[in-house]
Amino acid sequence: MSNAPQQEPIIVAMTGASGAAYGLRLIQRLADAGITQHLILSDAARVVLKQEADLELPADTDATTAALAEHLTIPSSRLCCYSLSDWFSPAASGSASIRRMVVIPCSMGTLARIASGLSGNLIERAADVVLKEKRQLILVPRETPLSTIHLENMLKLSRMGVDIIPAMPAFYHRPTSLDEIVDYLVDRVLDHLKVVNPEAKQWGSS
């Protein structure tokens, strides 16, 4: 029997854009929901994690899995990390039938290469697979200001059915901490993934 859509594995990729807290929080929330994640970190993402979250990850993928699980207080069984050159990863082939992928945060360089169909590493290849199989791809870009090139690339991807969820905070829920600002964006991603999320702050709700 196949898993219910909510429980199916998800590819989560982090790139070198600022906003490591968004990626870490999404990984934590998905694990708490019982969802297995295929995790891919770019080299630049590791630099940003050290800079923004004081999290220095080992090069070995198994050790990375253990370190992230410990840092986020989640079961390591919910994570499987892959190197950027692991072409035997399930994320590298459409036959693995992984139906959802999130790049959070997504650098403009990664976004441009995805829009152009370039597959120089596993993140880009996984996104290419999701697109060619007409599955769900969510990109969380974090850049400002946006150039015409950035906007044209996002429009191109949007026309292909990609969900573009920029890392833009909202304030109608009166956030009182940085965590609440991060959670708002992650709640929007979870909503698009159709992951049950009763903690989400919704407009018009009490």
N, C-alpha and C. Protein backbone atom coordinates (compact mmCIF):
# COMPACT_ATOMS: atom_id res chain seq x y z
N MET A 1 0.85 -1.20 0.00
CA MET A 1 0.00 0.00 0.00
C MET A 1 0.88 1.24 0.00
N SER A 2 0.58 2.21 -0.85
CA SER A 2 1.38 3.42 -0.91
C SER A 2 1.06 4.34 0.25
N ASN A 3 2.01 5.22 0.56
CA ASN A 3 1.80 6.18 1.63
C ASN A 3 0.76 7.20 1.22
N ALA A 4 0.08 7.77 2.23
CA ALA A 4 -0.78 8.91 1.96
C ALA A 4 0.09 10.06 1.47
N PRO A 5 -0.47 10.94 0.62
CA PRO A 5 0.35 12.03 0.06
C PRO A 5 1.11 12.81 1.11
N GLN A 6 0.48 13.09 2.26
CA GLN A 6 1.16 13.89 3.26
C GLN A 6 2.42 13.20 3.76
N GLN A 7 2.43 11.88 3.83
CA GLN A 7 3.53 11.15 4.43
C GLN A 7 4.60 10.74 3.44
N GLU A 8 4.40 11.02 2.16
CA GLU A 8 5.41 10.66 1.17
C GLU A 8 6.69 11.45 1.40
N PRO A 9 7.85 10.88 1.09
CA PRO A 9 9.12 11.58 1.28
C PRO A 9 9.18 12.88 0.49
N ILE A 10 9.99 13.81 0.98
CA ILE A 10 10.16 15.11 0.35
C ILE A 10 11.66 15.38 0.20
N ILE A 11 12.05 15.93 -0.94
CA ILE A 11 13.42 16.40 -1.12
C ILE A 11 13.49 17.83 -0.58
N VAL A 12 14.42 18.06 0.33
CA VAL A 12 14.66 19.41 0.85
C VAL A 12 16.09 19.80 0.53
N ALA A 13 16.26 20.92 -0.17
CA ALA A 13 17.59 21.40 -0.51
C ALA A 13 17.79 22.78 0.08
N MET A 14 19.00 23.04 0.54
CA MET A 14 19.38 24.36 1.04
C MET A 14 20.56 24.86 0.23
N THR A 15 20.47 26.12 -0.21
CA THR A 15 21.56 26.71 -0.99
C THR A 15 22.15 27.89 -0.21
N GLY A 16 22.98 28.68 -0.89
CA GLY A 16 23.76 29.69 -0.20
C GLY A 16 23.10 31.03 0.02
N ALA A 17 21.81 31.16 -0.27
CA ALA A 17 21.13 32.41 0.04
C ALA A 17 21.02 32.58 1.55
N SER A 18 20.94 33.83 1.99
CA SER A 18 20.69 34.07 3.41
C SER A 18 19.30 33.54 3.76
N GLY A 19 19.15 33.05 4.99
CA GLY A 19 17.86 32.50 5.41
C GLY A 19 17.95 31.06 5.84
N ALA A 20 19.10 30.67 6.41
CA ALA A 20 19.28 29.29 6.87
C ALA A 20 18.21 28.88 7.87
N ALA A 21 17.73 29.82 8.66
CA ALA A 21 16.73 29.50 9.68
C ALA A 21 15.46 28.94 9.05
N TYR A 22 15.11 29.40 7.85
CA TYR A 22 13.92 28.88 7.17
C TYR A 22 14.09 27.39 6.85
N GLY A 23 15.24 27.05 6.29
CA GLY A 23 15.48 25.65 5.93
C GLY A 23 15.52 24.75 7.15
N LEU A 24 16.20 25.19 8.19
CA LEU A 24 16.29 24.38 9.41
C LEU A 24 14.92 24.16 10.03
N ARG A 25 14.13 25.21 10.06
CA ARG A 25 12.80 25.08 10.67
C ARG A 25 11.90 24.17 9.85
N LEU A 26 11.99 24.24 8.52
CA LEU A 26 11.18 23.35 7.70
C LEU A 26 11.58 21.90 7.93
N ILE A 27 12.87 21.63 7.96
CA ILE A 27 13.34 20.26 8.23
C ILE A 27 12.78 19.76 9.56
N GLN A 28 12.82 20.61 10.57
CA GLN A 28 12.33 20.23 11.89
C GLN A 28 10.83 19.95 11.87
N ARG A 29 10.08 20.82 11.21
CA ARG A 29 8.62 20.66 11.20
C ARG A 29 8.20 19.43 10.39
N LEU A 30 8.88 19.17 9.28
CA LEU A 30 8.56 17.97 8.50
C LEU A 30 8.87 16.70 9.28
N ALA A 31 9.99 16.71 9.99
CA ALA A 31 10.35 15.54 10.82
C ALA A 31 9.32 15.34 11.91
N ASP A 32 8.89 16.43 12.54
CA ASP A 32 7.86 16.33 13.59
C ASP A 32 6.56 15.77 13.04
N ALA A 33 6.30 16.01 11.75
CA ALA A 33 5.09 15.49 11.11
C ALA A 33 5.26 14.04 10.65
N GLY A 34 6.45 13.48 10.88
CA GLY A 34 6.69 12.08 10.53
C GLY A 34 7.07 11.87 9.09
N ILE A 35 7.56 12.91 8.42
CA ILE A 35 7.88 12.83 6.99
C ILE A 35 9.38 12.64 6.80
N THR A 36 9.75 11.64 6.03
CA THR A 36 11.15 11.39 5.70
C THR A 36 11.62 12.39 4.65
N GLN A 37 12.85 12.87 4.83
CA GLN A 37 13.40 13.89 3.94
C GLN A 37 14.71 13.45 3.31
N HIS A 38 14.83 13.68 2.02
CA HIS A 38 16.09 13.51 1.31
C HIS A 38 16.72 14.90 1.27
N LEU A 39 17.79 15.10 2.01
CA LEU A 39 18.35 16.42 2.21
C LEU A 39 19.63 16.61 1.40
N ILE A 40 19.70 17.75 0.70
CA ILE A 40 20.87 18.09 -0.11
C ILE A 40 21.30 19.50 0.25
N LEU A 41 22.55 19.66 0.65
CA LEU A 41 23.09 20.96 1.01
C LEU A 41 24.18 21.37 0.03
N SER A 42 24.09 22.58 -0.48
CA SER A 42 25.17 23.07 -1.33
C SER A 42 26.36 23.45 -0.45
N ASP A 43 27.52 23.61 -1.07
CA ASP A 43 28.70 24.04 -0.31
C ASP A 43 28.46 25.41 0.31
N ALA A 44 27.81 26.29 -0.44
CA ALA A 44 27.53 27.63 0.07
C ALA A 44 26.54 27.58 1.23
N ALA A 45 25.60 26.63 1.19
CA ALA A 45 24.64 26.49 2.30
C ALA A 45 25.36 26.16 3.60
N ARG A 46 26.40 25.34 3.51
CA ARG A 46 27.17 25.00 4.71
C ARG A 46 27.87 26.23 5.28
N VAL A 47 28.34 27.09 4.39
CA VAL A 47 28.97 28.34 4.85
C VAL A 47 27.94 29.22 5.55
N VAL A 48 26.75 29.33 4.95
CA VAL A 48 25.71 30.17 5.54
C VAL A 48 25.22 29.59 6.87
N LEU A 49 25.12 28.29 6.97
CA LEU A 49 24.71 27.66 8.22
C LEU A 49 25.68 27.98 9.35
N LYS A 50 26.96 27.99 9.03
CA LYS A 50 27.96 28.35 10.03
C LYS A 50 27.85 29.82 10.41
N GLN A 51 27.62 30.69 9.42
CA GLN A 51 27.55 32.12 9.65
C GLN A 51 26.28 32.53 10.40
N GLU A 52 25.13 31.95 10.00
CA GLU A 52 23.85 32.42 10.53
C GLU A 52 23.32 31.59 11.70
N ALA A 53 23.76 30.33 11.78
CA ALA A 53 23.20 29.46 12.82
C ALA A 53 24.27 28.85 13.72
N ASP A 54 25.53 29.27 13.54
CA ASP A 54 26.64 28.70 14.32
C ASP A 54 26.65 27.17 14.24
N LEU A 55 26.30 26.67 13.05
CA LEU A 55 26.23 25.23 12.84
C LEU A 55 27.26 24.83 11.79
N GLU A 56 28.33 24.21 12.24
CA GLU A 56 29.38 23.75 11.33
C GLU A 56 29.19 22.26 11.12
N LEU A 57 28.86 21.89 9.90
CA LEU A 57 28.53 20.50 9.60
C LEU A 57 29.73 19.76 9.05
N PRO A 58 29.88 18.49 9.41
CA PRO A 58 30.97 17.68 8.87
C PRO A 58 30.76 17.39 7.40
N ALA A 59 31.81 17.02 6.71
CA ALA A 59 31.72 16.73 5.28
C ALA A 59 30.99 15.42 5.01
N ASP A 60 31.18 14.44 5.87
CA ASP A 60 30.56 13.13 5.69
C ASP A 60 29.04 13.24 5.80
N THR A 61 28.31 12.64 4.87
CA THR A 61 26.86 12.80 4.85
C THR A 61 26.18 12.13 6.05
N ASP A 62 26.66 10.97 6.46
CA ASP A 62 26.07 10.32 7.65
C ASP A 62 26.29 11.17 8.89
N ALA A 63 27.48 11.75 9.01
CA ALA A 63 27.77 12.61 10.15
C ALA A 63 26.93 13.89 10.08
N THR A 64 26.68 14.39 8.87
CA THR A 64 25.82 15.56 8.70
C THR A 64 24.41 15.25 9.17
N THR A 65 23.90 14.08 8.80
CA THR A 65 22.57 13.66 9.25
C THR A 65 22.49 13.66 10.77
N ALA A 66 23.48 13.06 11.41
CA ALA A 66 23.49 12.97 12.87
C ALA A 66 23.59 14.35 13.51
N ALA A 67 24.42 15.22 12.95
CA ALA A 67 24.60 16.55 13.51
C ALA A 67 23.33 17.39 13.39
N LEU A 68 22.67 17.31 12.26
CA LEU A 68 21.43 18.05 12.08
C LEU A 68 20.33 17.53 13.00
N ALA A 69 20.24 16.22 13.11
CA ALA A 69 19.22 15.63 13.98
C ALA A 69 19.42 16.07 15.42
N GLU A 70 20.68 16.11 15.84
CA GLU A 70 20.97 16.54 17.21
C GLU A 70 20.65 18.02 17.38
N HIS A 71 21.06 18.84 16.42
CA HIS A 71 20.83 20.28 16.50
C HIS A 71 19.35 20.63 16.54
N LEU A 72 18.54 19.90 15.77
CA LEU A 72 17.11 20.19 15.66
C LEU A 72 16.25 19.35 16.60
N THR A 73 16.87 18.45 17.33
CA THR A 73 16.17 17.55 18.26
C THR A 73 15.08 16.76 17.53
N ILE A 74 15.48 16.09 16.46
CA ILE A 74 14.57 15.25 15.69
C ILE A 74 15.22 13.89 15.49
N PRO A 75 14.43 12.86 15.18
CA PRO A 75 15.00 11.54 14.94
C PRO A 75 15.86 11.53 13.67
N SER A 76 17.04 10.98 13.76
CA SER A 76 17.91 10.91 12.57
C SER A 76 17.30 10.02 11.49
N SER A 77 16.38 9.14 11.88
CA SER A 77 15.74 8.26 10.91
C SER A 77 14.86 9.02 9.93
N ARG A 78 14.53 10.29 10.24
CA ARG A 78 13.70 11.10 9.35
C ARG A 78 14.52 11.82 8.29
N LEU A 79 15.85 11.73 8.38
CA LEU A 79 16.73 12.45 7.46
C LEU A 79 17.66 11.50 6.73
N CYS A 80 17.92 11.80 5.47
CA CYS A 80 18.96 11.10 4.73
C CYS A 80 19.67 12.14 3.87
N CYS A 81 20.90 12.46 4.23
CA CYS A 81 21.65 13.49 3.51
C CYS A 81 22.43 12.88 2.36
N TYR A 82 22.54 13.63 1.27
CA TYR A 82 23.27 13.19 0.10
C TYR A 82 24.27 14.26 -0.32
N SER A 83 25.38 13.83 -0.87
CA SER A 83 26.36 14.78 -1.37
C SER A 83 25.89 15.36 -2.70
N LEU A 84 26.49 16.46 -3.08
CA LEU A 84 26.11 17.12 -4.32
C LEU A 84 26.43 16.30 -5.57
N SER A 85 27.30 15.32 -5.42
CA SER A 85 27.70 14.50 -6.57
C SER A 85 27.21 13.07 -6.47
N ASP A 86 26.22 12.82 -5.61
CA ASP A 86 25.70 11.46 -5.43
C ASP A 86 24.61 11.19 -6.47
N TRP A 87 25.05 10.74 -7.63
CA TRP A 87 24.10 10.50 -8.72
C TRP A 87 23.30 9.21 -8.54
N PHE A 88 23.60 8.45 -7.49
CA PHE A 88 22.81 7.26 -7.17
C PHE A 88 21.72 7.57 -6.14
N SER A 89 21.63 8.82 -5.73
CA SER A 89 20.56 9.23 -4.82
C SER A 89 19.20 9.06 -5.48
N PRO A 90 18.16 8.69 -4.71
CA PRO A 90 16.82 8.61 -5.29
C PRO A 90 16.37 9.92 -5.92
N ALA A 91 16.91 11.04 -5.43
CA ALA A 91 16.52 12.34 -5.97
C ALA A 91 16.97 12.55 -7.41
N ALA A 92 17.91 11.71 -7.88
CA ALA A 92 18.50 11.91 -9.21
C ALA A 92 17.70 11.28 -10.33
N SER A 93 16.64 10.54 -10.00
CA SER A 93 15.90 9.83 -11.04
C SER A 93 14.40 9.91 -10.81
N GLY A 94 13.68 10.09 -11.90
CA GLY A 94 12.23 10.11 -11.82
C GLY A 94 11.63 8.79 -11.43
N SER A 95 12.37 7.70 -11.63
CA SER A 95 11.84 6.38 -11.28
C SER A 95 11.69 6.19 -9.78
N ALA A 96 12.32 7.07 -8.99
CA ALA A 96 12.18 6.97 -7.53
C ALA A 96 10.83 7.48 -7.06
N SER A 97 10.13 8.20 -7.92
CA SER A 97 8.76 8.67 -7.64
C SER A 97 8.66 9.55 -6.40
N ILE A 98 9.67 10.37 -6.15
CA ILE A 98 9.56 11.39 -5.10
C ILE A 98 8.82 12.57 -5.70
N ARG A 99 7.69 12.92 -5.14
CA ARG A 99 6.77 13.83 -5.80
C ARG A 99 6.85 15.28 -5.35
N ARG A 100 7.66 15.57 -4.33
CA ARG A 100 7.71 16.94 -3.83
C ARG A 100 9.15 17.33 -3.53
N MET A 101 9.47 18.59 -3.84
CA MET A 101 10.81 19.12 -3.55
C MET A 101 10.70 20.58 -3.16
N VAL A 102 11.48 20.97 -2.15
CA VAL A 102 11.55 22.37 -1.72
C VAL A 102 13.01 22.79 -1.70
N VAL A 103 13.31 23.95 -2.29
CA VAL A 103 14.64 24.55 -2.17
C VAL A 103 14.47 25.78 -1.28
N ILE A 104 15.03 25.70 -0.07
CA ILE A 104 14.79 26.72 0.95
C ILE A 104 16.02 26.93 1.82
N PRO A 105 16.67 28.06 1.79
CA PRO A 105 16.45 29.17 0.86
C PRO A 105 17.03 28.84 -0.51
N CYS A 106 16.55 29.54 -1.52
CA CYS A 106 17.02 29.30 -2.89
C CYS A 106 17.78 30.51 -3.39
N SER A 107 19.04 30.33 -3.69
CA SER A 107 19.85 31.43 -4.24
C SER A 107 19.41 31.73 -5.66
N MET A 108 19.71 32.91 -6.13
CA MET A 108 19.36 33.28 -7.49
C MET A 108 20.19 32.51 -8.51
N GLY A 109 21.39 32.11 -8.13
CA GLY A 109 22.18 31.28 -9.03
C GLY A 109 21.55 29.92 -9.24
N THR A 110 21.10 29.29 -8.14
CA THR A 110 20.43 28.00 -8.26
C THR A 110 19.13 28.14 -9.03
N LEU A 111 18.37 29.19 -8.74
CA LEU A 111 17.11 29.41 -9.43
C LEU A 111 17.34 29.57 -10.94
N ALA A 112 18.39 30.30 -11.31
CA ALA A 112 18.69 30.52 -12.73
C ALA A 112 19.06 29.22 -13.42
N ARG A 113 19.85 28.40 -12.74
CA ARG A 113 20.27 27.13 -13.36
C ARG A 113 19.08 26.17 -13.49
N ILE A 114 18.17 26.18 -12.51
CA ILE A 114 16.97 25.35 -12.62
C ILE A 114 16.12 25.84 -13.79
N ALA A 115 15.97 27.15 -13.90
CA ALA A 115 15.16 27.71 -14.99
C ALA A 115 15.74 27.40 -16.36
N SER A 116 17.06 27.22 -16.41
CA SER A 116 17.74 26.96 -17.69
C SER A 116 17.91 25.47 -17.97
N GLY A 117 17.49 24.62 -17.03
CA GLY A 117 17.61 23.18 -17.24
C GLY A 117 19.01 22.64 -17.08
N LEU A 118 19.86 23.37 -16.36
CA LEU A 118 21.24 22.93 -16.13
C LEU A 118 21.30 22.04 -14.89
N SER A 119 22.08 21.00 -14.96
CA SER A 119 22.14 20.02 -13.87
C SER A 119 23.59 19.73 -13.50
N GLY A 120 24.25 20.71 -12.91
CA GLY A 120 25.65 20.54 -12.55
C GLY A 120 25.87 19.89 -11.20
N ASN A 121 24.82 19.78 -10.39
CA ASN A 121 24.93 19.09 -9.11
C ASN A 121 23.59 18.43 -8.78
N LEU A 122 23.53 17.74 -7.65
CA LEU A 122 22.33 16.95 -7.33
C LEU A 122 21.11 17.83 -7.06
N ILE A 123 21.30 19.03 -6.51
CA ILE A 123 20.16 19.92 -6.29
C ILE A 123 19.50 20.26 -7.62
N GLU A 124 20.32 20.66 -8.57
CA GLU A 124 19.80 21.06 -9.87
C GLU A 124 19.22 19.87 -10.63
N ARG A 125 19.86 18.72 -10.52
CA ARG A 125 19.35 17.52 -11.17
C ARG A 125 18.01 17.10 -10.56
N ALA A 126 17.90 17.15 -9.24
CA ALA A 126 16.65 16.77 -8.58
C ALA A 126 15.52 17.69 -9.01
N ALA A 127 15.80 19.00 -9.08
CA ALA A 127 14.78 19.95 -9.52
C ALA A 127 14.38 19.68 -10.98
N ASP A 128 15.36 19.36 -11.81
CA ASP A 128 15.09 19.04 -13.22
C ASP A 128 14.19 17.81 -13.33
N VAL A 129 14.45 16.82 -12.48
CA VAL A 129 13.63 15.60 -12.47
C VAL A 129 12.19 15.93 -12.08
N VAL A 130 12.03 16.73 -11.04
CA VAL A 130 10.69 17.10 -10.58
C VAL A 130 9.94 17.83 -11.68
N LEU A 131 10.63 18.72 -12.39
CA LEU A 131 9.99 19.46 -13.48
C LEU A 131 9.60 18.55 -14.64
N LYS A 132 10.52 17.68 -15.05
CA LYS A 132 10.21 16.84 -16.22
C LYS A 132 9.11 15.83 -15.93
N GLU A 133 9.00 15.43 -14.65
CA GLU A 133 7.96 14.48 -14.26
C GLU A 133 6.66 15.18 -13.89
N LYS A 134 6.66 16.53 -13.99
CA LYS A 134 5.47 17.34 -13.69
C LYS A 134 4.98 17.10 -12.26
N ARG A 135 5.94 17.15 -11.33
CA ARG A 135 5.63 17.02 -9.92
C ARG A 135 5.77 18.38 -9.24
N GLN A 136 5.72 18.41 -7.92
CA GLN A 136 5.68 19.70 -7.22
C GLN A 136 7.08 20.19 -6.84
N LEU A 137 7.39 21.40 -7.30
CA LEU A 137 8.64 22.05 -6.94
C LEU A 137 8.32 23.39 -6.29
N ILE A 138 8.84 23.62 -5.09
CA ILE A 138 8.68 24.88 -4.38
C ILE A 138 10.05 25.51 -4.22
N LEU A 139 10.15 26.77 -4.62
CA LEU A 139 11.39 27.53 -4.44
C LEU A 139 11.12 28.69 -3.50
N VAL A 140 12.03 28.88 -2.54
CA VAL A 140 11.91 29.98 -1.58
C VAL A 140 13.10 30.92 -1.80
N PRO A 141 12.99 31.83 -2.78
CA PRO A 141 14.10 32.73 -3.07
C PRO A 141 14.27 33.79 -1.99
N ARG A 142 15.52 34.19 -1.78
CA ARG A 142 15.80 35.24 -0.78
C ARG A 142 16.85 36.15 -1.40
N GLU A 143 16.39 37.27 -1.91
CA GLU A 143 17.29 38.25 -2.52
C GLU A 143 16.60 39.59 -2.56
N THR A 144 17.35 40.65 -2.48
CA THR A 144 16.79 41.99 -2.63
C THR A 144 17.90 42.99 -2.95
N PRO A 145 17.67 43.92 -3.85
CA PRO A 145 16.51 44.00 -4.75
C PRO A 145 16.58 42.92 -5.81
N LEU A 146 15.47 42.73 -6.50
CA LEU A 146 15.41 41.74 -7.57
C LEU A 146 15.71 42.40 -8.91
N SER A 147 16.64 41.81 -9.65
CA SER A 147 16.95 42.34 -10.97
C SER A 147 15.95 41.83 -12.00
N THR A 148 15.98 42.41 -13.18
CA THR A 148 15.12 41.94 -14.27
C THR A 148 15.39 40.47 -14.58
N ILE A 149 16.65 40.06 -14.52
CA ILE A 149 17.01 38.66 -14.76
C ILE A 149 16.35 37.76 -13.73
N HIS A 150 16.42 38.14 -12.45
CA HIS A 150 15.78 37.35 -11.39
C HIS A 150 14.29 37.20 -11.65
N LEU A 151 13.64 38.32 -11.96
CA LEU A 151 12.20 38.31 -12.17
C LEU A 151 11.81 37.48 -13.39
N GLU A 152 12.59 37.59 -14.45
CA GLU A 152 12.28 36.81 -15.66
C GLU A 152 12.45 35.31 -15.40
N ASN A 153 13.48 34.94 -14.63
CA ASN A 153 13.67 33.52 -14.30
C ASN A 153 12.52 32.99 -13.45
N MET A 154 12.07 33.80 -12.49
CA MET A 154 10.95 33.36 -11.65
C MET A 154 9.66 33.25 -12.45
N LEU A 155 9.44 34.19 -13.37
CA LEU A 155 8.25 34.12 -14.23
C LEU A 155 8.29 32.87 -15.10
N LYS A 156 9.45 32.57 -15.64
CA LYS A 156 9.61 31.36 -16.47
C LYS A 156 9.26 30.11 -15.68
N LEU A 157 9.76 30.02 -14.45
CA LEU A 157 9.48 28.86 -13.61
C LEU A 157 8.02 28.82 -13.19
N SER A 158 7.46 29.97 -12.86
CA SER A 158 6.05 30.01 -12.48
C SER A 158 5.16 29.50 -13.60
N ARG A 159 5.51 29.86 -14.83
CA ARG A 159 4.72 29.38 -15.97
C ARG A 159 4.84 27.88 -16.17
N MET A 160 5.89 27.27 -15.61
CA MET A 160 6.05 25.82 -15.66
C MET A 160 5.38 25.13 -14.48
N GLY A 161 4.72 25.91 -13.62
CA GLY A 161 3.99 25.32 -12.51
C GLY A 161 4.74 25.29 -11.20
N VAL A 162 5.92 25.93 -11.15
CA VAL A 162 6.70 25.97 -9.91
C VAL A 162 6.05 26.95 -8.94
N ASP A 163 5.98 26.55 -7.67
CA ASP A 163 5.49 27.45 -6.62
C ASP A 163 6.64 28.33 -6.15
N ILE A 164 6.52 29.63 -6.35
CA ILE A 164 7.54 30.58 -5.89
C ILE A 164 7.02 31.23 -4.61
N ILE A 165 7.68 30.94 -3.49
CA ILE A 165 7.27 31.48 -2.20
C ILE A 165 8.43 32.30 -1.65
N PRO A 166 8.50 33.59 -1.98
CA PRO A 166 9.63 34.39 -1.53
C PRO A 166 9.68 34.49 -0.01
N ALA A 167 10.86 34.64 0.51
CA ALA A 167 11.04 34.76 1.96
C ALA A 167 10.66 36.16 2.40
N MET A 168 9.35 36.42 2.39
CA MET A 168 8.82 37.73 2.78
C MET A 168 7.97 37.57 4.03
N PRO A 169 8.36 38.19 5.13
CA PRO A 169 7.56 38.05 6.36
C PRO A 169 6.27 38.86 6.28
N ALA A 170 5.29 38.44 7.08
CA ALA A 170 4.05 39.20 7.26
C ALA A 170 3.96 39.61 8.73
N PHE A 171 3.11 40.58 9.00
CA PHE A 171 3.06 41.09 10.37
C PHE A 171 1.63 41.20 10.91
N TYR A 172 0.64 40.71 10.13
CA TYR A 172 -0.74 40.81 10.62
C TYR A 172 -0.98 39.92 11.85
N HIS A 173 -0.12 38.92 12.04
CA HIS A 173 -0.28 38.06 13.21
C HIS A 173 0.50 38.58 14.42
N ARG A 174 1.02 39.79 14.31
CA ARG A 174 1.72 40.48 15.39
C ARG A 174 2.87 39.64 15.97
N PRO A 175 3.86 39.29 15.17
CA PRO A 175 4.97 38.47 15.70
C PRO A 175 5.74 39.24 16.77
N THR A 176 6.16 38.51 17.79
CA THR A 176 6.92 39.11 18.89
C THR A 176 8.32 38.54 19.00
N SER A 177 8.68 37.66 18.06
CA SER A 177 10.02 37.07 18.09
C SER A 177 10.45 36.71 16.68
N LEU A 178 11.75 36.50 16.52
CA LEU A 178 12.28 36.07 15.23
C LEU A 178 11.73 34.71 14.85
N ASP A 179 11.56 33.83 15.83
CA ASP A 179 11.02 32.50 15.56
C ASP A 179 9.63 32.59 14.93
N GLU A 180 8.80 33.52 15.39
CA GLU A 180 7.45 33.64 14.84
C GLU A 180 7.49 34.15 13.40
N ILE A 181 8.46 34.99 13.08
CA ILE A 181 8.61 35.46 11.70
C ILE A 181 9.05 34.32 10.79
N VAL A 182 9.99 33.49 11.27
CA VAL A 182 10.44 32.33 10.51
C VAL A 182 9.29 31.34 10.34
N ASP A 183 8.54 31.10 11.41
CA ASP A 183 7.44 30.14 11.36
C ASP A 183 6.38 30.55 10.34
N TYR A 184 6.13 31.85 10.21
CA TYR A 184 5.11 32.29 9.25
C TYR A 184 5.45 31.81 7.85
N LEU A 185 6.69 32.00 7.44
CA LEU A 185 7.10 31.59 6.10
C LEU A 185 7.05 30.07 5.95
N VAL A 186 7.54 29.36 6.96
CA VAL A 186 7.54 27.91 6.91
C VAL A 186 6.10 27.38 6.88
N ASP A 187 5.19 28.03 7.60
CA ASP A 187 3.78 27.64 7.55
C ASP A 187 3.23 27.73 6.14
N ARG A 188 3.62 28.75 5.39
CA ARG A 188 3.15 28.90 4.01
C ARG A 188 3.66 27.76 3.13
N VAL A 189 4.92 27.36 3.35
CA VAL A 189 5.49 26.25 2.60
C VAL A 189 4.75 24.96 2.94
N LEU A 190 4.52 24.71 4.22
CA LEU A 190 3.81 23.51 4.64
C LEU A 190 2.40 23.47 4.06
N ASP A 191 1.77 24.63 3.98
CA ASP A 191 0.43 24.71 3.41
C ASP A 191 0.45 24.27 1.94
N HIS A 192 1.44 24.72 1.19
CA HIS A 192 1.53 24.35 -0.23
C HIS A 192 1.91 22.89 -0.40
N LEU A 193 2.61 22.33 0.58
CA LEU A 193 2.93 20.90 0.55
C LEU A 193 1.75 20.04 0.99
N LYS A 194 0.69 20.72 1.46
CA LYS A 194 -0.50 20.04 1.98
C LYS A 194 -0.18 19.16 3.19
N VAL A 195 0.72 19.67 4.01
CA VAL A 195 1.04 19.02 5.28
C VAL A 195 0.15 19.64 6.34
N VAL A 196 -0.58 18.80 7.06
CA VAL A 196 -1.48 19.29 8.11
C VAL A 196 -0.68 20.13 9.10
N ASN A 197 -1.15 21.35 9.33
CA ASN A 197 -0.37 22.30 10.11
C ASN A 197 -1.30 23.19 10.95
N PRO A 198 -1.81 22.64 12.05
CA PRO A 198 -2.79 23.39 12.84
C PRO A 198 -2.23 24.65 13.50
N GLU A 199 -0.90 24.78 13.57
CA GLU A 199 -0.29 25.94 14.21
C GLU A 199 -0.23 27.16 13.29
N ALA A 200 -0.56 27.01 12.02
CA ALA A 200 -0.42 28.11 11.06
C ALA A 200 -1.31 29.28 11.43
N LYS A 201 -0.76 30.49 11.29
CA LYS A 201 -1.51 31.72 11.53
C LYS A 201 -2.27 32.08 10.25
N GLN A 202 -3.58 32.07 10.31
CA GLN A 202 -4.38 32.30 9.12
C GLN A 202 -5.14 33.62 9.25
N TRP A 203 -5.25 34.33 8.13
CA TRP A 203 -5.97 35.59 8.11
C TRP A 203 -7.44 35.35 8.46
N GLY A 204 -7.96 36.16 9.38
CA GLY A 204 -9.37 36.04 9.77
C GLY A 204 -9.62 35.09 10.90
N SER A 205 -8.57 34.34 11.31
CA SER A 205 -8.76 33.41 12.44
C SER A 205 -8.42 34.13 13.73
N SER A 206 -8.93 33.62 14.80
CA SER A 206 -8.67 34.22 16.11
C SER A 206 -7.34 33.74 16.66
